[in-house]
Amino acid sequence: MKLPDQKSLLFSVILAVLGFVVVKFALASLALDPALLFGAGLLIGALVIAALSSASSEEAEVKTKTLYVGNLPYRANEGVVRALFEEQGKVFNVRLLKDKNTGKRRGFGFVEMAEADADKAINQLNDSEFQQRTLKVREAKQKQENEANSFREGSDQSA
């Protein structure tokens, strides 16, 4: 079970106090214990928070797709590439790779986008002109961990 954050807890306490006040005045003819009224308000507030947070967590889970972007100009930075791809849809992450020794950009990178927008970005931006370079945009291939491990094991055995 997910623990509530501070905002949810504060909102729940405010709902509990409001519930107490409303029930106190609405049921003034009944002699109910204030602690019981506060507890009922807190329970109602917790249920409302749980319903709201479960609805928002379903919306928060957006499937993403990582795109390979090649033939980038060396002067392009993450902000410029992000702006280019945001014209096509929601961008979550931009990573442009640099050479380990020199620190200069290598001319390619990866853009993580909403899956629904990624295909549109591939169609619109692949083979398009960007800062006097023709971009290559396609779905990124996942790293092949198993092949790399089997290659290392094979070379260890031959030595």
N, C-alpha and C. Protein backbone atom coordinates (compact mmCIF):
# COMPACT_ATOMS: atom_id res chain seq x y z
N MET A 1 0.84 -1.19 0.00
CA MET A 1 0.00 0.00 0.00
C MET A 1 0.88 1.24 0.00
N LYS A 2 0.53 2.21 -0.83
CA LYS A 2 1.31 3.43 -0.94
C LYS A 2 0.95 4.38 0.19
N LEU A 3 1.98 4.94 0.85
CA LEU A 3 1.74 5.89 1.93
C LEU A 3 1.37 7.25 1.35
N PRO A 4 0.51 7.99 2.05
CA PRO A 4 0.12 9.30 1.54
C PRO A 4 1.25 10.31 1.67
N ASP A 5 1.32 11.26 0.75
CA ASP A 5 2.32 12.31 0.86
C ASP A 5 1.79 13.41 1.77
N GLN A 6 2.60 14.41 2.05
CA GLN A 6 2.22 15.48 2.97
C GLN A 6 0.99 16.23 2.50
N LYS A 7 0.92 16.48 1.21
CA LYS A 7 -0.21 17.23 0.65
C LYS A 7 -1.53 16.47 0.87
N SER A 8 -1.49 15.16 0.63
CA SER A 8 -2.69 14.36 0.82
C SER A 8 -3.10 14.31 2.28
N LEU A 9 -2.10 14.21 3.17
CA LEU A 9 -2.39 14.15 4.60
C LEU A 9 -3.01 15.46 5.07
N LEU A 10 -2.45 16.58 4.64
CA LEU A 10 -2.98 17.89 5.01
C LEU A 10 -4.41 18.06 4.47
N PHE A 11 -4.62 17.67 3.23
CA PHE A 11 -5.94 17.76 2.63
C PHE A 11 -6.94 16.90 3.40
N SER A 12 -6.51 15.73 3.83
CA SER A 12 -7.38 14.82 4.58
C SER A 12 -7.77 15.42 5.93
N VAL A 13 -6.82 16.06 6.61
CA VAL A 13 -7.11 16.68 7.91
C VAL A 13 -8.08 17.85 7.72
N ILE A 14 -7.89 18.64 6.66
CA ILE A 14 -8.80 19.76 6.39
C ILE A 14 -10.21 19.23 6.12
N LEU A 15 -10.31 18.15 5.33
CA LEU A 15 -11.62 17.55 5.09
C LEU A 15 -12.24 17.03 6.38
N ALA A 16 -11.42 16.48 7.26
CA ALA A 16 -11.92 15.98 8.54
C ALA A 16 -12.49 17.11 9.39
N VAL A 17 -11.78 18.23 9.44
CA VAL A 17 -12.26 19.39 10.21
C VAL A 17 -13.54 19.93 9.61
N LEU A 18 -13.58 20.06 8.27
CA LEU A 18 -14.80 20.54 7.62
C LEU A 18 -15.96 19.57 7.85
N GLY A 19 -15.65 18.27 7.76
CA GLY A 19 -16.69 17.26 8.04
C GLY A 19 -17.22 17.39 9.45
N PHE A 20 -16.31 17.63 10.40
CA PHE A 20 -16.72 17.81 11.80
C PHE A 20 -17.65 19.01 11.95
N VAL A 21 -17.27 20.14 11.32
CA VAL A 21 -18.08 21.36 11.43
C VAL A 21 -19.45 21.16 10.78
N VAL A 22 -19.46 20.58 9.60
CA VAL A 22 -20.73 20.38 8.89
C VAL A 22 -21.64 19.44 9.67
N VAL A 23 -21.10 18.33 10.11
CA VAL A 23 -21.92 17.37 10.85
C VAL A 23 -22.35 17.95 12.19
N LYS A 24 -21.49 18.73 12.84
CA LYS A 24 -21.83 19.34 14.13
C LYS A 24 -23.05 20.25 13.99
N PHE A 25 -23.06 21.07 12.93
CA PHE A 25 -24.19 21.99 12.75
C PHE A 25 -25.40 21.29 12.12
N ALA A 26 -25.17 20.32 11.26
CA ALA A 26 -26.27 19.63 10.62
C ALA A 26 -27.00 18.71 11.59
N LEU A 27 -26.25 18.12 12.47
CA LEU A 27 -26.85 17.20 13.45
C LEU A 27 -26.77 17.78 14.86
N ALA A 28 -27.05 19.08 14.99
CA ALA A 28 -26.95 19.76 16.28
C ALA A 28 -27.93 19.19 17.29
N SER A 29 -29.05 18.64 16.78
CA SER A 29 -30.04 18.10 17.72
C SER A 29 -29.57 16.81 18.37
N LEU A 30 -28.68 16.08 17.69
CA LEU A 30 -28.14 14.85 18.27
C LEU A 30 -26.90 15.19 19.10
N ALA A 31 -26.79 14.59 20.23
CA ALA A 31 -25.63 14.82 21.10
C ALA A 31 -24.58 13.76 20.79
N LEU A 32 -23.75 14.05 19.77
CA LEU A 32 -22.69 13.12 19.37
C LEU A 32 -21.35 13.60 19.91
N ASP A 33 -20.49 12.67 20.19
CA ASP A 33 -19.17 12.96 20.70
C ASP A 33 -18.34 13.67 19.62
N PRO A 34 -17.68 14.81 19.93
CA PRO A 34 -16.88 15.52 18.93
C PRO A 34 -15.75 14.66 18.35
N ALA A 35 -15.16 13.81 19.17
CA ALA A 35 -14.09 12.95 18.66
C ALA A 35 -14.63 11.97 17.62
N LEU A 36 -15.86 11.49 17.82
CA LEU A 36 -16.49 10.59 16.87
C LEU A 36 -16.76 11.33 15.55
N LEU A 37 -17.23 12.58 15.65
CA LEU A 37 -17.48 13.38 14.46
C LEU A 37 -16.18 13.65 13.70
N PHE A 38 -15.12 13.97 14.43
CA PHE A 38 -13.83 14.22 13.79
C PHE A 38 -13.31 12.95 13.12
N GLY A 39 -13.47 11.82 13.77
CA GLY A 39 -13.05 10.54 13.20
C GLY A 39 -13.81 10.21 11.93
N ALA A 40 -15.12 10.49 11.94
CA ALA A 40 -15.94 10.25 10.75
C ALA A 40 -15.49 11.15 9.61
N GLY A 41 -15.20 12.42 9.92
CA GLY A 41 -14.71 13.34 8.90
C GLY A 41 -13.36 12.90 8.35
N LEU A 42 -12.49 12.39 9.22
CA LEU A 42 -11.18 11.90 8.79
C LEU A 42 -11.32 10.68 7.89
N LEU A 43 -12.24 9.80 8.24
CA LEU A 43 -12.47 8.61 7.42
C LEU A 43 -13.00 9.00 6.03
N ILE A 44 -13.94 9.92 6.00
CA ILE A 44 -14.48 10.38 4.72
C ILE A 44 -13.38 11.06 3.91
N GLY A 45 -12.55 11.88 4.56
CA GLY A 45 -11.45 12.53 3.88
C GLY A 45 -10.46 11.53 3.31
N ALA A 46 -10.15 10.49 4.07
CA ALA A 46 -9.22 9.47 3.60
C ALA A 46 -9.78 8.73 2.39
N LEU A 47 -11.08 8.44 2.41
CA LEU A 47 -11.70 7.77 1.27
C LEU A 47 -11.67 8.64 0.02
N VAL A 48 -11.93 9.94 0.20
CA VAL A 48 -11.88 10.86 -0.93
C VAL A 48 -10.47 10.94 -1.49
N ILE A 49 -9.46 11.04 -0.62
CA ILE A 49 -8.06 11.10 -1.05
C ILE A 49 -7.68 9.82 -1.79
N ALA A 50 -8.09 8.67 -1.27
CA ALA A 50 -7.76 7.39 -1.91
C ALA A 50 -8.38 7.32 -3.31
N ALA A 51 -9.62 7.78 -3.43
CA ALA A 51 -10.29 7.75 -4.73
C ALA A 51 -9.60 8.69 -5.72
N LEU A 52 -9.23 9.88 -5.26
CA LEU A 52 -8.57 10.85 -6.14
C LEU A 52 -7.18 10.39 -6.54
N SER A 53 -6.43 9.82 -5.60
CA SER A 53 -5.05 9.42 -5.93
C SER A 53 -5.03 8.20 -6.83
N SER A 54 -5.99 7.29 -6.70
CA SER A 54 -6.01 6.13 -7.59
C SER A 54 -6.38 6.55 -9.01
N ALA A 55 -7.24 7.53 -9.15
CA ALA A 55 -7.60 8.03 -10.48
C ALA A 55 -6.42 8.75 -11.12
N SER A 56 -5.68 9.53 -10.34
CA SER A 56 -4.55 10.27 -10.91
C SER A 56 -3.37 9.36 -11.19
N SER A 57 -3.19 8.28 -10.42
CA SER A 57 -2.06 7.38 -10.68
C SER A 57 -2.28 6.59 -11.97
N GLU A 58 -3.52 6.31 -12.33
CA GLU A 58 -3.80 5.63 -13.58
C GLU A 58 -3.46 6.53 -14.77
N GLU A 59 -3.72 7.83 -14.62
CA GLU A 59 -3.41 8.77 -15.68
C GLU A 59 -1.90 9.01 -15.77
N ALA A 60 -1.18 8.89 -14.65
CA ALA A 60 0.25 9.18 -14.62
C ALA A 60 1.07 8.12 -15.35
N GLU A 61 0.56 6.92 -15.50
CA GLU A 61 1.30 5.85 -16.14
C GLU A 61 1.15 5.96 -17.66
N VAL A 62 2.10 6.65 -18.26
CA VAL A 62 2.10 6.83 -19.71
C VAL A 62 3.20 5.93 -20.28
N LYS A 63 2.86 5.15 -21.28
CA LYS A 63 3.86 4.30 -21.92
C LYS A 63 4.78 5.18 -22.75
N THR A 64 6.07 4.87 -22.67
CA THR A 64 7.05 5.66 -23.40
C THR A 64 7.80 4.79 -24.41
N LYS A 65 8.41 5.48 -25.36
CA LYS A 65 9.23 4.82 -26.37
C LYS A 65 10.50 5.65 -26.51
N THR A 66 11.63 4.98 -26.61
CA THR A 66 12.90 5.68 -26.77
C THR A 66 13.28 5.70 -28.24
N LEU A 67 13.61 6.88 -28.73
CA LEU A 67 13.98 7.07 -30.12
C LEU A 67 15.48 7.34 -30.24
N TYR A 68 16.10 6.75 -31.24
CA TYR A 68 17.48 7.06 -31.58
C TYR A 68 17.46 8.25 -32.54
N VAL A 69 18.30 9.23 -32.28
CA VAL A 69 18.39 10.40 -33.15
C VAL A 69 19.84 10.50 -33.59
N GLY A 70 20.09 10.29 -34.88
CA GLY A 70 21.45 10.33 -35.41
C GLY A 70 21.67 11.48 -36.35
N ASN A 71 22.94 11.73 -36.64
CA ASN A 71 23.40 12.79 -37.53
C ASN A 71 23.02 14.17 -37.00
N LEU A 72 23.08 14.31 -35.67
CA LEU A 72 22.82 15.60 -35.05
C LEU A 72 24.02 16.52 -35.24
N PRO A 73 23.79 17.81 -35.37
CA PRO A 73 24.92 18.74 -35.43
C PRO A 73 25.64 18.72 -34.08
N TYR A 74 26.94 18.86 -34.10
CA TYR A 74 27.71 18.80 -32.86
C TYR A 74 27.41 19.97 -31.93
N ARG A 75 26.92 21.07 -32.47
CA ARG A 75 26.60 22.23 -31.64
C ARG A 75 25.23 22.13 -30.98
N ALA A 76 24.41 21.15 -31.38
CA ALA A 76 23.06 21.01 -30.80
C ALA A 76 23.16 20.53 -29.36
N ASN A 77 22.35 21.13 -28.49
CA ASN A 77 22.32 20.70 -27.09
C ASN A 77 20.97 20.08 -26.76
N GLU A 78 20.82 19.60 -25.53
CA GLU A 78 19.60 18.91 -25.12
C GLU A 78 18.36 19.80 -25.25
N GLY A 79 18.49 21.07 -24.91
CA GLY A 79 17.35 21.98 -24.96
C GLY A 79 16.81 22.17 -26.36
N VAL A 80 17.71 22.31 -27.34
CA VAL A 80 17.30 22.51 -28.73
C VAL A 80 16.64 21.25 -29.27
N VAL A 81 17.22 20.09 -28.95
CA VAL A 81 16.64 18.83 -29.42
C VAL A 81 15.29 18.59 -28.75
N ARG A 82 15.19 18.90 -27.46
CA ARG A 82 13.90 18.76 -26.75
C ARG A 82 12.84 19.63 -27.42
N ALA A 83 13.18 20.87 -27.72
CA ALA A 83 12.21 21.78 -28.35
C ALA A 83 11.76 21.24 -29.71
N LEU A 84 12.69 20.67 -30.47
CA LEU A 84 12.35 20.11 -31.78
C LEU A 84 11.36 18.96 -31.63
N PHE A 85 11.61 18.07 -30.68
CA PHE A 85 10.74 16.90 -30.53
C PHE A 85 9.44 17.24 -29.81
N GLU A 86 9.42 18.28 -28.98
CA GLU A 86 8.18 18.67 -28.30
C GLU A 86 7.15 19.21 -29.28
N GLU A 87 7.59 19.61 -30.46
CA GLU A 87 6.63 20.02 -31.50
C GLU A 87 5.79 18.83 -31.95
N GLN A 88 6.30 17.62 -31.75
CA GLN A 88 5.61 16.40 -32.17
C GLN A 88 4.82 15.75 -31.03
N GLY A 89 5.14 16.09 -29.77
CA GLY A 89 4.41 15.48 -28.65
C GLY A 89 5.18 15.60 -27.35
N LYS A 90 4.74 14.84 -26.35
CA LYS A 90 5.29 14.88 -25.00
C LYS A 90 6.67 14.22 -24.96
N VAL A 91 7.67 14.99 -24.46
CA VAL A 91 9.04 14.49 -24.32
C VAL A 91 9.36 14.35 -22.84
N PHE A 92 9.88 13.18 -22.45
CA PHE A 92 10.22 12.94 -21.06
C PHE A 92 11.70 13.11 -20.78
N ASN A 93 12.55 12.75 -21.73
CA ASN A 93 13.98 12.76 -21.47
C ASN A 93 14.74 12.91 -22.79
N VAL A 94 15.85 13.66 -22.74
CA VAL A 94 16.74 13.80 -23.90
C VAL A 94 18.16 13.54 -23.40
N ARG A 95 18.87 12.62 -24.08
CA ARG A 95 20.26 12.31 -23.73
C ARG A 95 21.10 12.38 -25.00
N LEU A 96 22.02 13.32 -25.04
CA LEU A 96 22.95 13.42 -26.15
C LEU A 96 24.30 12.91 -25.65
N LEU A 97 24.90 11.98 -26.38
CA LEU A 97 26.12 11.35 -25.91
C LEU A 97 27.34 12.18 -26.25
N LYS A 98 28.32 12.10 -25.32
CA LYS A 98 29.59 12.83 -25.48
C LYS A 98 30.73 11.83 -25.45
N ASP A 99 31.82 12.21 -26.09
CA ASP A 99 33.04 11.40 -26.06
C ASP A 99 33.62 11.44 -24.64
N LYS A 100 34.05 10.29 -24.13
CA LYS A 100 34.57 10.23 -22.76
C LYS A 100 35.86 11.03 -22.60
N ASN A 101 36.71 11.00 -23.61
CA ASN A 101 38.01 11.65 -23.49
C ASN A 101 37.95 13.14 -23.74
N THR A 102 37.26 13.56 -24.80
CA THR A 102 37.27 14.97 -25.18
C THR A 102 36.09 15.75 -24.59
N GLY A 103 34.99 15.07 -24.27
CA GLY A 103 33.81 15.75 -23.76
C GLY A 103 32.96 16.39 -24.84
N LYS A 104 33.36 16.20 -26.11
CA LYS A 104 32.59 16.77 -27.21
C LYS A 104 31.43 15.84 -27.57
N ARG A 105 30.38 16.43 -28.08
CA ARG A 105 29.21 15.66 -28.47
C ARG A 105 29.56 14.73 -29.64
N ARG A 106 28.90 13.57 -29.67
CA ARG A 106 29.22 12.55 -30.67
C ARG A 106 28.29 12.59 -31.89
N GLY A 107 27.26 13.45 -31.86
CA GLY A 107 26.40 13.59 -33.03
C GLY A 107 25.18 12.68 -33.02
N PHE A 108 24.92 12.04 -31.89
CA PHE A 108 23.70 11.26 -31.80
C PHE A 108 23.23 11.24 -30.35
N GLY A 109 21.99 10.80 -30.15
CA GLY A 109 21.44 10.74 -28.80
C GLY A 109 20.13 9.99 -28.80
N PHE A 110 19.44 10.10 -27.67
CA PHE A 110 18.19 9.38 -27.47
C PHE A 110 17.15 10.33 -26.89
N VAL A 111 15.92 10.19 -27.38
CA VAL A 111 14.80 10.99 -26.91
C VAL A 111 13.72 10.03 -26.44
N GLU A 112 13.27 10.21 -25.20
CA GLU A 112 12.20 9.38 -24.65
C GLU A 112 10.90 10.17 -24.75
N MET A 113 9.94 9.59 -25.47
CA MET A 113 8.67 10.27 -25.72
C MET A 113 7.51 9.38 -25.35
N ALA A 114 6.32 9.99 -25.26
CA ALA A 114 5.09 9.22 -25.09
C ALA A 114 4.94 8.33 -26.31
N GLU A 115 4.55 7.08 -26.08
CA GLU A 115 4.47 6.10 -27.16
C GLU A 115 3.54 6.57 -28.28
N ALA A 116 2.46 7.24 -27.90
CA ALA A 116 1.50 7.70 -28.90
C ALA A 116 2.11 8.76 -29.83
N ASP A 117 3.06 9.55 -29.31
CA ASP A 117 3.66 10.62 -30.10
C ASP A 117 4.94 10.18 -30.82
N ALA A 118 5.53 9.08 -30.40
CA ALA A 118 6.83 8.67 -30.95
C ALA A 118 6.76 8.35 -32.44
N ASP A 119 5.73 7.61 -32.86
CA ASP A 119 5.62 7.27 -34.28
C ASP A 119 5.44 8.52 -35.14
N LYS A 120 4.68 9.47 -34.62
CA LYS A 120 4.49 10.74 -35.33
C LYS A 120 5.83 11.46 -35.48
N ALA A 121 6.63 11.45 -34.42
CA ALA A 121 7.93 12.11 -34.46
C ALA A 121 8.86 11.43 -35.46
N ILE A 122 8.82 10.09 -35.51
CA ILE A 122 9.66 9.38 -36.47
C ILE A 122 9.26 9.77 -37.89
N ASN A 123 7.96 9.76 -38.17
CA ASN A 123 7.49 10.10 -39.52
C ASN A 123 7.82 11.53 -39.91
N GLN A 124 7.69 12.46 -38.97
CA GLN A 124 7.89 13.87 -39.28
C GLN A 124 9.37 14.25 -39.34
N LEU A 125 10.21 13.67 -38.47
CA LEU A 125 11.57 14.16 -38.33
C LEU A 125 12.64 13.31 -39.02
N ASN A 126 12.34 12.05 -39.33
CA ASN A 126 13.34 11.23 -40.01
C ASN A 126 13.59 11.80 -41.41
N ASP A 127 14.85 11.93 -41.77
CA ASP A 127 15.29 12.50 -43.05
C ASP A 127 14.89 13.96 -43.22
N SER A 128 14.64 14.65 -42.10
CA SER A 128 14.33 16.09 -42.19
C SER A 128 15.60 16.89 -41.92
N GLU A 129 15.59 18.13 -42.35
CA GLU A 129 16.73 19.02 -42.21
C GLU A 129 16.66 19.70 -40.84
N PHE A 130 17.79 19.66 -40.10
CA PHE A 130 17.87 20.32 -38.79
C PHE A 130 19.28 20.90 -38.65
N GLN A 131 19.37 22.20 -38.59
CA GLN A 131 20.65 22.91 -38.49
C GLN A 131 21.64 22.41 -39.55
N GLN A 132 21.17 22.35 -40.79
CA GLN A 132 21.96 21.98 -41.96
C GLN A 132 22.45 20.52 -41.93
N ARG A 133 21.75 19.68 -41.17
CA ARG A 133 22.06 18.24 -41.15
C ARG A 133 20.77 17.47 -41.39
N THR A 134 20.86 16.29 -42.01
CA THR A 134 19.70 15.45 -42.25
C THR A 134 19.60 14.43 -41.11
N LEU A 135 18.56 14.56 -40.30
CA LEU A 135 18.40 13.71 -39.13
C LEU A 135 18.02 12.28 -39.50
N LYS A 136 18.46 11.35 -38.68
CA LYS A 136 18.03 9.96 -38.76
C LYS A 136 17.32 9.66 -37.45
N VAL A 137 16.03 9.42 -37.53
CA VAL A 137 15.22 9.16 -36.34
C VAL A 137 14.53 7.82 -36.49
N ARG A 138 14.75 6.95 -35.53
CA ARG A 138 14.09 5.64 -35.54
C ARG A 138 13.96 5.15 -34.11
N GLU A 139 13.20 4.09 -33.93
CA GLU A 139 13.04 3.52 -32.59
C GLU A 139 14.38 2.93 -32.15
N ALA A 140 14.76 3.22 -30.91
CA ALA A 140 16.05 2.74 -30.39
C ALA A 140 15.97 1.25 -30.11
N LYS A 141 17.08 0.58 -30.35
CA LYS A 141 17.17 -0.84 -30.03
C LYS A 141 17.58 -0.97 -28.58
N GLN A 142 17.02 -1.97 -27.90
CA GLN A 142 17.38 -2.22 -26.51
C GLN A 142 18.75 -2.86 -26.44
N LYS A 143 19.49 -2.58 -25.38
CA LYS A 143 20.80 -3.20 -25.20
C LYS A 143 20.63 -4.70 -25.07
N GLN A 144 21.52 -5.43 -25.71
CA GLN A 144 21.47 -6.89 -25.67
C GLN A 144 22.39 -7.40 -24.56
N GLU A 145 21.88 -7.44 -23.33
CA GLU A 145 22.66 -7.87 -22.18
C GLU A 145 23.08 -9.34 -22.32
N ASN A 146 22.17 -10.18 -22.78
CA ASN A 146 22.47 -11.61 -22.87
C ASN A 146 23.60 -11.88 -23.84
N GLU A 147 23.61 -11.20 -25.01
CA GLU A 147 24.66 -11.42 -25.99
C GLU A 147 26.01 -10.95 -25.44
N ALA A 148 26.03 -9.84 -24.75
CA ALA A 148 27.28 -9.32 -24.19
C ALA A 148 27.83 -10.27 -23.14
N ASN A 149 26.96 -10.81 -22.30
CA ASN A 149 27.39 -11.75 -21.26
C ASN A 149 27.90 -13.05 -21.88
N SER A 150 27.22 -13.56 -22.89
CA SER A 150 27.65 -14.81 -23.50
C SER A 150 28.97 -14.61 -24.24
N PHE A 151 29.20 -13.41 -24.81
CA PHE A 151 30.45 -13.11 -25.49
C PHE A 151 31.60 -13.12 -24.48
N ARG A 152 31.38 -12.49 -23.29
CA ARG A 152 32.41 -12.45 -22.26
C ARG A 152 32.73 -13.86 -21.76
N GLU A 153 31.69 -14.67 -21.54
CA GLU A 153 31.90 -16.02 -21.05
C GLU A 153 32.69 -16.84 -22.06
N GLY A 154 32.38 -16.68 -23.34
CA GLY A 154 33.09 -17.42 -24.40
C GLY A 154 34.55 -17.02 -24.47
N SER A 155 34.84 -15.73 -24.31
CA SER A 155 36.23 -15.29 -24.38
C SER A 155 37.00 -15.71 -23.13
N ASP A 156 36.32 -15.82 -21.98
CA ASP A 156 36.97 -16.28 -20.77
C ASP A 156 37.38 -17.74 -20.87
N GLN A 157 36.55 -18.53 -21.52
CA GLN A 157 36.83 -19.97 -21.64
C GLN A 157 37.97 -20.23 -22.62
N SER A 158 38.12 -19.39 -23.65
CA SER A 158 39.15 -19.64 -24.65
C SER A 158 40.54 -19.25 -24.15
N ALA A 159 40.61 -18.44 -23.10
CA ALA A 159 41.90 -17.99 -22.59
C ALA A 159 42.60 -19.00 -21.73
